[in-house]
């Protein structure tokens, strides 16, 4: 999964990556790339890669609908905006 969105921010950070084990069901690799495009906007590219470890992880992937994804990525956008705004 890959998502692009713009944030209002003057932050000048560039990239980060996190890998985590989620409930012993799946491994999630999250990469976040930040590209400042002006003094007040930053383009953010978030990518998720899931590696399923068992049947429960496979069930999670199967249940991750388009609506669930939109809610999930919407929360990420809000959290990133909040984070960047604390840095300004």
N, C-alpha and C. Protein backbone atom coordinates (compact mmCIF):
# COMPACT_ATOMS: atom_id res chain seq x y z
N UNK A 1 0.84 -1.16 0.00
CA UNK A 1 0.00 0.00 0.00
C UNK A 1 0.89 1.23 0.00
N UNK A 2 0.49 2.23 -0.74
CA UNK A 2 1.26 3.46 -0.84
C UNK A 2 0.29 4.61 -0.86
N UNK A 3 0.58 5.63 -0.09
CA UNK A 3 -0.33 6.78 0.00
C UNK A 3 0.48 8.05 -0.07
N UNK A 4 -0.04 9.05 -0.78
CA UNK A 4 0.59 10.37 -0.87
C UNK A 4 -0.38 11.39 -0.30
N UNK A 5 0.11 12.35 0.44
CA UNK A 5 -0.69 13.50 0.84
C UNK A 5 0.21 14.65 1.21
N UNK A 6 -0.37 15.85 1.27
CA UNK A 6 0.38 17.06 1.60
C UNK A 6 0.06 17.49 3.01
N UNK A 7 1.05 17.98 3.70
CA UNK A 7 0.87 18.55 5.03
C UNK A 7 1.36 19.98 5.03
N UNK A 8 0.68 20.82 5.77
CA UNK A 8 1.15 22.19 5.95
C UNK A 8 2.19 22.19 7.05
N UNK A 9 3.42 22.45 6.68
CA UNK A 9 4.51 22.38 7.65
C UNK A 9 5.76 22.99 7.06
N UNK A 10 6.61 23.49 7.94
CA UNK A 10 7.91 23.97 7.47
C UNK A 10 9.01 23.01 7.89
N UNK A 11 8.64 21.83 8.32
CA UNK A 11 9.59 20.83 8.79
C UNK A 11 10.48 20.35 7.64
N UNK A 12 11.75 20.15 7.93
CA UNK A 12 12.71 19.72 6.90
C UNK A 12 13.29 18.34 7.24
N UNK A 13 12.44 17.36 7.42
CA UNK A 13 12.90 15.99 7.65
C UNK A 13 12.68 15.21 6.37
N UNK A 14 13.33 14.04 6.25
CA UNK A 14 13.28 13.39 4.95
C UNK A 14 12.72 11.96 4.93
N UNK A 15 13.14 11.07 5.79
CA UNK A 15 12.65 9.69 5.68
C UNK A 15 12.81 8.95 7.00
N UNK A 16 11.96 7.96 7.16
CA UNK A 16 12.03 7.11 8.34
C UNK A 16 11.39 5.78 7.97
N UNK A 17 11.78 4.74 8.67
CA UNK A 17 11.21 3.42 8.43
C UNK A 17 11.10 2.69 9.75
N UNK A 18 9.99 1.97 9.93
CA UNK A 18 9.74 1.23 11.17
C UNK A 18 9.31 -0.18 10.79
N UNK A 19 9.83 -1.16 11.49
CA UNK A 19 9.40 -2.54 11.31
C UNK A 19 8.90 -3.04 12.65
N UNK A 20 7.75 -3.71 12.63
CA UNK A 20 7.21 -4.20 13.89
C UNK A 20 6.45 -5.50 13.72
N UNK A 21 6.45 -6.28 14.78
CA UNK A 21 5.68 -7.52 14.83
C UNK A 21 4.33 -7.18 15.45
N UNK A 22 3.25 -7.50 14.77
CA UNK A 22 1.91 -7.14 15.21
C UNK A 22 1.16 -8.39 15.67
N UNK A 23 1.02 -8.54 16.99
CA UNK A 23 0.25 -9.65 17.60
C UNK A 23 0.72 -11.03 17.15
N UNK A 24 1.99 -11.17 16.81
CA UNK A 24 2.53 -12.44 16.32
C UNK A 24 1.77 -12.98 15.11
N UNK A 25 1.06 -12.09 14.41
CA UNK A 25 0.28 -12.48 13.24
C UNK A 25 0.92 -12.03 11.94
N UNK A 26 1.57 -10.88 12.00
CA UNK A 26 2.13 -10.29 10.79
C UNK A 26 3.26 -9.34 11.16
N UNK A 27 4.14 -9.13 10.20
CA UNK A 27 5.19 -8.13 10.32
C UNK A 27 4.76 -6.96 9.45
N UNK A 28 4.86 -5.77 10.01
CA UNK A 28 4.50 -4.58 9.27
C UNK A 28 5.74 -3.71 9.10
N UNK A 29 6.04 -3.36 7.87
CA UNK A 29 7.14 -2.45 7.57
C UNK A 29 6.50 -1.16 7.07
N UNK A 30 6.71 -0.09 7.81
CA UNK A 30 6.14 1.21 7.46
C UNK A 30 7.28 2.14 7.09
N UNK A 31 7.19 2.71 5.90
CA UNK A 31 8.18 3.69 5.46
C UNK A 31 7.48 5.02 5.24
N UNK A 32 8.08 6.09 5.75
CA UNK A 32 7.51 7.43 5.59
C UNK A 32 8.60 8.31 4.99
N UNK A 33 8.31 8.91 3.85
CA UNK A 33 9.26 9.81 3.19
C UNK A 33 8.64 11.21 3.17
N UNK A 34 9.44 12.20 3.53
CA UNK A 34 9.00 13.59 3.61
C UNK A 34 9.78 14.42 2.60
N UNK A 35 9.08 15.15 1.76
CA UNK A 35 9.72 16.03 0.80
C UNK A 35 9.16 17.44 0.93
N UNK A 36 9.91 18.37 1.50
CA UNK A 36 9.43 19.75 1.55
C UNK A 36 9.26 20.28 0.13
N UNK A 37 8.09 20.85 -0.15
CA UNK A 37 7.87 21.40 -1.49
C UNK A 37 7.74 22.91 -1.47
N UNK A 38 7.59 23.48 -0.27
CA UNK A 38 7.60 24.94 -0.09
C UNK A 38 7.88 25.20 1.39
N UNK A 39 7.89 26.46 1.75
CA UNK A 39 8.10 26.80 3.17
C UNK A 39 6.94 26.39 4.05
N UNK A 40 5.78 26.14 3.44
CA UNK A 40 4.59 25.83 4.25
C UNK A 40 3.97 24.47 3.95
N UNK A 41 4.54 23.70 3.00
CA UNK A 41 3.96 22.40 2.66
C UNK A 41 5.04 21.34 2.56
N UNK A 42 4.66 20.13 2.98
CA UNK A 42 5.54 18.97 2.89
C UNK A 42 4.76 17.82 2.26
N UNK A 43 5.31 17.21 1.22
CA UNK A 43 4.69 16.02 0.62
C UNK A 43 5.13 14.83 1.46
N UNK A 44 4.18 13.99 1.82
CA UNK A 44 4.46 12.81 2.63
C UNK A 44 4.04 11.58 1.84
N UNK A 45 4.93 10.60 1.75
CA UNK A 45 4.63 9.33 1.09
C UNK A 45 4.77 8.24 2.15
N UNK A 46 3.66 7.55 2.41
CA UNK A 46 3.64 6.50 3.42
C UNK A 46 3.40 5.17 2.70
N UNK A 47 4.25 4.19 2.96
CA UNK A 47 4.03 2.86 2.38
C UNK A 47 4.01 1.82 3.49
N UNK A 48 3.17 0.82 3.31
CA UNK A 48 3.00 -0.28 4.26
C UNK A 48 3.24 -1.58 3.53
N UNK A 49 3.98 -2.44 4.16
CA UNK A 49 4.19 -3.79 3.63
C UNK A 49 3.91 -4.75 4.77
N UNK A 50 2.97 -5.64 4.55
CA UNK A 50 2.64 -6.65 5.56
C UNK A 50 3.18 -8.00 5.12
N UNK A 51 3.80 -8.71 6.04
CA UNK A 51 4.25 -10.08 5.82
C UNK A 51 3.44 -10.94 6.79
N UNK A 52 2.60 -11.79 6.24
CA UNK A 52 1.71 -12.62 7.04
C UNK A 52 2.50 -13.79 7.64
N UNK A 53 2.29 -14.04 8.94
CA UNK A 53 3.01 -15.10 9.64
C UNK A 53 2.15 -16.34 9.91
N UNK A 54 0.83 -16.17 9.88
CA UNK A 54 -0.04 -17.31 10.16
C UNK A 54 -1.45 -17.02 9.64
N UNK A 55 -2.39 -17.90 9.95
CA UNK A 55 -3.76 -17.78 9.45
C UNK A 55 -4.43 -16.50 9.97
N UNK A 56 -4.18 -16.14 11.22
CA UNK A 56 -4.78 -14.91 11.76
C UNK A 56 -4.30 -13.68 10.98
N UNK A 57 -3.04 -13.65 10.61
CA UNK A 57 -2.53 -12.56 9.80
C UNK A 57 -3.17 -12.52 8.43
N UNK A 58 -3.38 -13.68 7.85
CA UNK A 58 -4.05 -13.78 6.55
C UNK A 58 -5.49 -13.28 6.66
N UNK A 59 -6.15 -13.60 7.76
CA UNK A 59 -7.52 -13.12 7.98
C UNK A 59 -7.56 -11.60 8.09
N UNK A 60 -6.55 -11.03 8.75
CA UNK A 60 -6.47 -9.57 8.85
C UNK A 60 -6.38 -8.95 7.46
N UNK A 61 -5.48 -9.47 6.65
CA UNK A 61 -5.30 -8.94 5.29
C UNK A 61 -6.59 -9.05 4.50
N UNK A 62 -7.27 -10.20 4.61
CA UNK A 62 -8.52 -10.40 3.89
C UNK A 62 -9.61 -9.43 4.34
N UNK A 63 -9.57 -9.02 5.61
CA UNK A 63 -10.60 -8.12 6.14
C UNK A 63 -10.25 -6.65 5.96
N UNK A 64 -9.07 -6.35 5.45
CA UNK A 64 -8.61 -4.97 5.31
C UNK A 64 -9.21 -4.39 4.03
N UNK A 65 -10.47 -3.99 4.12
CA UNK A 65 -11.22 -3.49 2.97
C UNK A 65 -10.78 -2.09 2.58
N UNK A 66 -11.30 -1.62 1.47
CA UNK A 66 -11.01 -0.27 1.01
C UNK A 66 -11.44 0.76 2.05
N UNK A 67 -12.61 0.56 2.66
CA UNK A 67 -13.09 1.48 3.70
C UNK A 67 -12.20 1.47 4.92
N UNK A 68 -11.76 0.27 5.32
CA UNK A 68 -10.86 0.16 6.48
C UNK A 68 -9.53 0.85 6.18
N UNK A 69 -9.04 0.71 4.96
CA UNK A 69 -7.79 1.35 4.57
C UNK A 69 -7.93 2.87 4.62
N UNK A 70 -9.04 3.41 4.08
CA UNK A 70 -9.24 4.86 4.08
C UNK A 70 -9.27 5.40 5.50
N UNK A 71 -9.92 4.68 6.40
CA UNK A 71 -9.96 5.10 7.81
C UNK A 71 -8.56 5.04 8.42
N UNK A 72 -7.85 3.97 8.14
CA UNK A 72 -6.50 3.75 8.65
C UNK A 72 -5.55 4.86 8.18
N UNK A 73 -5.54 5.15 6.88
CA UNK A 73 -4.61 6.14 6.35
C UNK A 73 -5.04 7.56 6.75
N UNK A 74 -6.34 7.78 6.93
CA UNK A 74 -6.82 9.07 7.41
C UNK A 74 -6.30 9.38 8.80
N UNK A 75 -6.25 8.35 9.65
CA UNK A 75 -5.72 8.53 11.00
C UNK A 75 -4.23 8.85 10.94
N UNK A 76 -3.50 8.18 10.04
CA UNK A 76 -2.07 8.47 9.89
C UNK A 76 -1.86 9.93 9.49
N UNK A 77 -2.67 10.42 8.55
CA UNK A 77 -2.52 11.81 8.11
C UNK A 77 -2.72 12.76 9.29
N UNK A 78 -3.76 12.54 10.09
CA UNK A 78 -4.01 13.39 11.25
C UNK A 78 -2.85 13.34 12.24
N UNK A 79 -2.34 12.14 12.51
CA UNK A 79 -1.24 12.01 13.47
C UNK A 79 0.03 12.69 12.97
N UNK A 80 0.32 12.56 11.66
CA UNK A 80 1.50 13.22 11.11
C UNK A 80 1.35 14.74 11.13
N UNK A 81 0.14 15.24 10.80
CA UNK A 81 -0.08 16.69 10.87
C UNK A 81 0.13 17.20 12.30
N UNK A 82 -0.39 16.48 13.26
CA UNK A 82 -0.23 16.87 14.67
C UNK A 82 1.25 16.88 15.04
N UNK A 83 1.98 15.84 14.62
CA UNK A 83 3.40 15.76 14.92
C UNK A 83 4.16 16.92 14.31
N UNK A 84 3.95 17.19 13.02
CA UNK A 84 4.67 18.27 12.36
C UNK A 84 4.33 19.62 12.97
N UNK A 85 3.09 19.81 13.34
CA UNK A 85 2.69 21.10 13.93
C UNK A 85 3.35 21.33 15.28
N UNK A 86 3.69 20.28 15.99
CA UNK A 86 4.41 20.46 17.27
C UNK A 86 5.86 20.86 17.05
N UNK A 87 6.39 20.60 15.86
CA UNK A 87 7.78 20.96 15.56
C UNK A 87 7.93 22.39 15.08
N UNK A 88 6.85 22.98 14.65
CA UNK A 88 6.91 24.35 14.08
C UNK A 88 6.98 25.40 15.16
